[in-house]
Amino acid sequence: AEVDKHIEVCGSAYEACAGADALVICTEWDEFKMEHLDYKRIFESMHKPAFIFDGRLILDGPKLQEIGFRVETIGKSF
């Protein structure tokens, strides 16, 4: 559903990430944690280089780097 020409509401995290340049996590909700999403699938659907910005430190940065993501965290380095 389109809210306006600059905002689109998606039905899933996978749909939202398809064709994206970056993924920004700004919540600690369980549904965005590594065990609930297939981050390899997300990576494969994104433009490259694919970036993840983890603002809540809920993701496994080294594992995401192994997948191919460029990972940035806020408040902690790994």
N, C-alpha and C. Protein backbone atom coordinates (compact mmCIF):
# COMPACT_ATOMS: atom_id res chain seq x y z
N ALA A 1 0.84 -1.18 0.00
CA ALA A 1 0.00 0.00 0.00
C ALA A 1 0.88 1.23 0.00
N GLU A 2 0.53 2.20 -0.78
CA GLU A 2 1.31 3.42 -0.86
C GLU A 2 0.66 4.50 -0.01
N VAL A 3 1.44 5.05 0.92
CA VAL A 3 0.95 6.13 1.78
C VAL A 3 1.01 7.44 1.02
N ASP A 4 2.13 7.72 0.41
CA ASP A 4 2.29 8.82 -0.54
C ASP A 4 3.40 8.39 -1.49
N LYS A 5 3.83 9.27 -2.36
CA LYS A 5 4.79 8.84 -3.39
C LYS A 5 6.16 8.50 -2.82
N HIS A 6 6.44 8.84 -1.55
CA HIS A 6 7.75 8.57 -0.96
C HIS A 6 7.71 7.47 0.10
N ILE A 7 6.53 7.01 0.49
CA ILE A 7 6.39 6.02 1.54
C ILE A 7 5.54 4.86 1.04
N GLU A 8 6.03 3.66 1.25
CA GLU A 8 5.27 2.46 0.88
C GLU A 8 5.23 1.52 2.08
N VAL A 9 4.07 1.02 2.43
CA VAL A 9 3.91 0.06 3.51
C VAL A 9 3.99 -1.33 2.90
N CYS A 10 4.87 -2.18 3.46
CA CYS A 10 5.08 -3.52 2.93
C CYS A 10 4.51 -4.56 3.88
N GLY A 11 4.19 -5.71 3.34
CA GLY A 11 3.58 -6.78 4.11
C GLY A 11 4.55 -7.65 4.87
N SER A 12 5.85 -7.54 4.57
CA SER A 12 6.84 -8.36 5.27
C SER A 12 8.20 -7.67 5.23
N ALA A 13 9.08 -8.12 6.10
CA ALA A 13 10.45 -7.61 6.09
C ALA A 13 11.13 -7.93 4.77
N TYR A 14 10.83 -9.10 4.22
CA TYR A 14 11.45 -9.50 2.95
C TYR A 14 11.02 -8.57 1.81
N GLU A 15 9.75 -8.25 1.77
CA GLU A 15 9.24 -7.34 0.74
C GLU A 15 9.86 -5.95 0.91
N ALA A 16 9.99 -5.50 2.15
CA ALA A 16 10.54 -4.17 2.41
C ALA A 16 12.01 -4.07 2.01
N CYS A 17 12.75 -5.15 2.12
CA CYS A 17 14.19 -5.13 1.83
C CYS A 17 14.52 -5.36 0.36
N ALA A 18 13.61 -5.92 -0.40
CA ALA A 18 13.88 -6.23 -1.81
C ALA A 18 14.24 -4.96 -2.57
N GLY A 19 15.43 -4.95 -3.14
CA GLY A 19 15.90 -3.82 -3.92
C GLY A 19 16.42 -2.66 -3.10
N ALA A 20 16.50 -2.83 -1.78
CA ALA A 20 16.98 -1.75 -0.91
C ALA A 20 18.50 -1.68 -0.92
N ASP A 21 19.03 -0.51 -0.58
CA ASP A 21 20.47 -0.31 -0.43
C ASP A 21 20.91 -0.55 1.00
N ALA A 22 20.02 -0.33 1.95
CA ALA A 22 20.37 -0.46 3.36
C ALA A 22 19.16 -0.89 4.18
N LEU A 23 19.47 -1.54 5.29
CA LEU A 23 18.47 -1.97 6.26
C LEU A 23 18.85 -1.33 7.59
N VAL A 24 17.91 -0.62 8.20
CA VAL A 24 18.16 0.06 9.47
C VAL A 24 17.25 -0.55 10.53
N ILE A 25 17.86 -1.11 11.57
CA ILE A 25 17.10 -1.69 12.68
C ILE A 25 17.11 -0.67 13.82
N CYS A 26 15.93 -0.19 14.19
CA CYS A 26 15.81 0.82 15.25
C CYS A 26 14.92 0.33 16.39
N THR A 27 14.67 -0.96 16.45
CA THR A 27 13.84 -1.54 17.49
C THR A 27 14.46 -2.85 17.94
N GLU A 28 14.17 -3.24 19.18
CA GLU A 28 14.68 -4.51 19.68
C GLU A 28 13.64 -5.62 19.59
N TRP A 29 12.60 -5.42 18.81
CA TRP A 29 11.54 -6.41 18.68
C TRP A 29 12.11 -7.75 18.20
N ASP A 30 11.60 -8.83 18.80
CA ASP A 30 12.07 -10.17 18.48
C ASP A 30 11.96 -10.51 17.00
N GLU A 31 10.94 -10.02 16.34
CA GLU A 31 10.71 -10.40 14.94
C GLU A 31 11.84 -9.98 14.00
N PHE A 32 12.74 -9.10 14.45
CA PHE A 32 13.86 -8.68 13.61
C PHE A 32 15.17 -9.36 13.99
N LYS A 33 15.15 -10.19 15.03
CA LYS A 33 16.37 -10.88 15.47
C LYS A 33 16.75 -11.98 14.49
N MET A 34 18.02 -12.40 14.59
CA MET A 34 18.61 -13.34 13.63
C MET A 34 17.80 -14.64 13.53
N GLU A 35 17.27 -15.12 14.64
CA GLU A 35 16.56 -16.41 14.61
C GLU A 35 15.18 -16.32 13.98
N HIS A 36 14.70 -15.12 13.70
CA HIS A 36 13.36 -14.96 13.15
C HIS A 36 13.31 -14.57 11.68
N LEU A 37 14.44 -14.15 11.13
CA LEU A 37 14.49 -13.76 9.71
C LEU A 37 15.66 -14.45 9.03
N ASP A 38 15.50 -14.72 7.75
CA ASP A 38 16.56 -15.31 6.94
C ASP A 38 17.37 -14.16 6.33
N TYR A 39 18.44 -13.77 7.01
CA TYR A 39 19.23 -12.63 6.56
C TYR A 39 20.00 -12.92 5.28
N LYS A 40 20.27 -14.18 4.98
CA LYS A 40 20.88 -14.52 3.69
C LYS A 40 19.90 -14.21 2.56
N ARG A 41 18.66 -14.56 2.75
CA ARG A 41 17.61 -14.25 1.77
C ARG A 41 17.47 -12.74 1.59
N ILE A 42 17.50 -12.01 2.70
CA ILE A 42 17.42 -10.56 2.63
C ILE A 42 18.60 -9.99 1.85
N PHE A 43 19.81 -10.46 2.17
CA PHE A 43 21.01 -9.99 1.48
C PHE A 43 20.91 -10.21 -0.02
N GLU A 44 20.46 -11.40 -0.40
CA GLU A 44 20.38 -11.74 -1.83
C GLU A 44 19.39 -10.85 -2.57
N SER A 45 18.40 -10.28 -1.87
CA SER A 45 17.39 -9.46 -2.54
C SER A 45 17.76 -7.97 -2.60
N MET A 46 18.82 -7.59 -1.90
CA MET A 46 19.19 -6.17 -1.81
C MET A 46 20.20 -5.78 -2.87
N HIS A 47 20.28 -4.46 -3.16
CA HIS A 47 21.35 -3.93 -4.01
C HIS A 47 22.67 -4.12 -3.28
N LYS A 48 23.74 -4.23 -4.04
CA LYS A 48 25.07 -4.39 -3.46
C LYS A 48 25.90 -3.14 -3.71
N PRO A 49 26.72 -2.72 -2.77
CA PRO A 49 26.90 -3.33 -1.45
C PRO A 49 25.65 -3.13 -0.59
N ALA A 50 25.36 -4.14 0.23
CA ALA A 50 24.18 -4.11 1.10
C ALA A 50 24.64 -3.75 2.52
N PHE A 51 24.00 -2.75 3.08
CA PHE A 51 24.36 -2.26 4.41
C PHE A 51 23.29 -2.62 5.43
N ILE A 52 23.73 -2.91 6.66
CA ILE A 52 22.82 -3.03 7.81
C ILE A 52 23.33 -2.09 8.88
N PHE A 53 22.42 -1.28 9.41
CA PHE A 53 22.70 -0.42 10.54
C PHE A 53 21.88 -0.95 11.71
N ASP A 54 22.56 -1.51 12.71
CA ASP A 54 21.90 -2.12 13.87
C ASP A 54 21.94 -1.13 15.03
N GLY A 55 20.86 -0.42 15.22
CA GLY A 55 20.78 0.59 16.26
C GLY A 55 20.42 0.07 17.63
N ARG A 56 20.11 -1.21 17.74
CA ARG A 56 19.70 -1.78 19.04
C ARG A 56 20.59 -2.95 19.46
N LEU A 57 21.62 -3.24 18.70
CA LEU A 57 22.56 -4.32 19.02
C LEU A 57 21.86 -5.67 19.19
N ILE A 58 20.95 -5.98 18.27
CA ILE A 58 20.21 -7.25 18.36
C ILE A 58 20.70 -8.29 17.37
N LEU A 59 21.61 -7.90 16.47
CA LEU A 59 22.05 -8.79 15.41
C LEU A 59 23.47 -9.28 15.65
N ASP A 60 23.83 -10.38 15.00
CA ASP A 60 25.17 -10.95 15.07
C ASP A 60 25.99 -10.36 13.93
N GLY A 61 26.72 -9.28 14.24
CA GLY A 61 27.49 -8.56 13.23
C GLY A 61 28.45 -9.42 12.44
N PRO A 62 29.30 -10.23 13.11
CA PRO A 62 30.24 -11.07 12.36
C PRO A 62 29.53 -12.06 11.42
N LYS A 63 28.41 -12.62 11.86
CA LYS A 63 27.66 -13.55 11.00
C LYS A 63 27.11 -12.81 9.78
N LEU A 64 26.60 -11.59 9.98
CA LEU A 64 26.10 -10.81 8.86
C LEU A 64 27.21 -10.46 7.88
N GLN A 65 28.40 -10.17 8.41
CA GLN A 65 29.55 -9.90 7.53
C GLN A 65 29.91 -11.13 6.71
N GLU A 66 29.82 -12.32 7.32
CA GLU A 66 30.08 -13.56 6.58
C GLU A 66 29.10 -13.71 5.42
N ILE A 67 27.86 -13.30 5.63
CA ILE A 67 26.85 -13.36 4.56
C ILE A 67 27.23 -12.41 3.43
N GLY A 68 27.84 -11.27 3.79
CA GLY A 68 28.23 -10.29 2.78
C GLY A 68 27.83 -8.86 3.09
N PHE A 69 27.07 -8.67 4.17
CA PHE A 69 26.64 -7.33 4.55
C PHE A 69 27.81 -6.47 5.00
N ARG A 70 27.67 -5.18 4.80
CA ARG A 70 28.51 -4.19 5.46
C ARG A 70 27.72 -3.75 6.68
N VAL A 71 28.27 -3.99 7.86
CA VAL A 71 27.53 -3.83 9.11
C VAL A 71 28.06 -2.64 9.90
N GLU A 72 27.14 -1.83 10.39
CA GLU A 72 27.47 -0.73 11.31
C GLU A 72 26.57 -0.86 12.52
N THR A 73 27.16 -0.68 13.70
CA THR A 73 26.37 -0.71 14.93
C THR A 73 26.49 0.63 15.63
N ILE A 74 25.57 0.88 16.52
CA ILE A 74 25.58 2.10 17.30
C ILE A 74 25.83 1.71 18.75
N GLY A 75 26.93 2.19 19.33
CA GLY A 75 27.21 1.94 20.74
C GLY A 75 28.13 0.79 21.03
N LYS A 76 28.53 0.02 20.02
CA LYS A 76 29.40 -1.13 20.26
C LYS A 76 30.06 -1.51 18.94
N SER A 77 31.33 -1.85 19.02
CA SER A 77 31.99 -2.39 17.83
C SER A 77 32.20 -3.88 18.04
N PHE A 78 32.46 -4.60 16.99
CA PHE A 78 32.70 -6.05 17.11
C PHE A 78 33.92 -6.42 16.32
